[in-house]
Amino acid sequence: MICSTNAIESLNARYGRAVRARGHFPNDATTLKYLFLMTRSLGPLGQGAGTMGHEVEPALNASAIAFDGRIN
């Protein structure tokens, strides 16, 4: 079993900061898309744009399973 608690907590904190900075979302689909794009833009060290770091891969894989066909 791979321990991913720190990665999940880190991603959750990033989501919280992103949502607070953005403010209002017109609907749930917009919110999910914004969080997905924010996740894809994380760099390997968690700063700015770049390739996705290993710490967010488990969360992105779980999202791909939950939203089959909508996340590539």
Protein backbone atom coordinates (compact mmCIF):
# COMPACT_ATOMS: atom_id res chain seq x y z
CA MET A 1 0.00 0.00 0.00
CA ILE A 2 1.35 3.41 -0.97
CA CYS A 3 0.96 6.13 1.64
CA SER A 4 -0.46 9.18 -0.12
CA THR A 5 -1.91 11.12 2.82
CA ASN A 6 0.62 13.96 2.48
CA ALA A 7 -0.04 14.25 -1.24
CA ILE A 8 -3.79 14.37 -0.72
CA GLU A 9 -3.49 16.97 2.04
CA SER A 10 -1.16 19.07 -0.12
CA LEU A 11 -3.55 18.93 -3.05
CA ASN A 12 -6.49 19.75 -0.78
CA ALA A 13 -4.66 22.84 0.54
CA ARG A 14 -3.89 23.95 -3.01
CA TYR A 15 -7.56 23.52 -3.99
CA GLY A 16 -8.62 25.61 -0.99
CA ARG A 17 -6.23 28.43 -1.89
CA ALA A 18 -7.27 28.34 -5.55
CA VAL A 19 -10.99 28.47 -4.75
CA ARG A 20 -10.55 31.30 -2.23
CA ALA A 21 -8.49 33.28 -4.75
CA ARG A 22 -11.02 32.73 -7.57
CA GLY A 23 -14.13 33.44 -5.53
CA HIS A 24 -17.50 32.69 -7.13
CA PHE A 25 -18.17 29.88 -9.62
CA PRO A 26 -21.37 29.88 -11.72
CA ASN A 27 -21.92 26.10 -11.43
CA ASP A 28 -20.35 22.83 -10.27
CA ALA A 29 -18.99 21.92 -13.71
CA THR A 30 -17.02 25.16 -13.83
CA THR A 31 -15.58 24.47 -10.40
CA LEU A 32 -14.47 20.95 -11.38
CA LYS A 33 -12.90 22.19 -14.60
CA TYR A 34 -11.03 24.96 -12.76
CA LEU A 35 -9.66 22.49 -10.18
CA PHE A 36 -8.71 20.01 -12.89
CA LEU A 37 -6.81 22.65 -14.87
CA MET A 38 -5.13 23.87 -11.69
CA THR A 39 -4.03 20.29 -10.93
CA ARG A 40 -2.65 19.79 -14.44
CA SER A 41 -0.63 23.02 -14.24
CA LEU A 42 1.30 22.08 -11.08
CA GLY A 43 5.04 21.81 -11.50
CA PRO A 44 7.13 18.94 -10.11
CA LEU A 45 7.89 20.96 -6.98
CA GLY A 46 4.38 22.38 -6.68
CA GLN A 47 5.26 25.81 -8.05
CA GLY A 48 3.74 27.23 -11.20
CA ALA A 49 3.35 25.60 -14.56
CA GLY A 50 5.33 22.57 -15.56
CA THR A 51 5.05 18.84 -15.72
CA MET A 52 2.87 17.14 -13.17
CA GLY A 53 4.68 16.07 -10.04
CA HIS A 54 4.53 12.56 -8.60
CA GLU A 55 2.59 13.79 -5.58
CA VAL A 56 -0.57 14.58 -7.59
CA GLU A 57 -0.60 11.52 -9.85
CA PRO A 58 -2.67 9.33 -7.44
CA ALA A 59 -5.32 12.04 -7.10
CA LEU A 60 -5.45 12.61 -10.85
CA ASN A 61 -5.72 8.87 -11.51
CA ALA A 62 -8.62 8.60 -9.06
CA SER A 63 -10.33 11.52 -10.81
CA ALA A 64 -9.84 9.83 -14.19
CA ILE A 65 -11.56 6.71 -12.85
CA ALA A 66 -14.42 8.65 -11.26
CA PHE A 67 -14.99 10.83 -14.35
CA ASP A 68 -14.47 8.22 -17.05
CA GLY A 69 -13.85 9.70 -20.47
CA ARG A 70 -13.74 13.35 -19.32
CA ILE A 71 -10.13 13.50 -18.11
CA ASN A 72 -7.28 12.70 -20.46
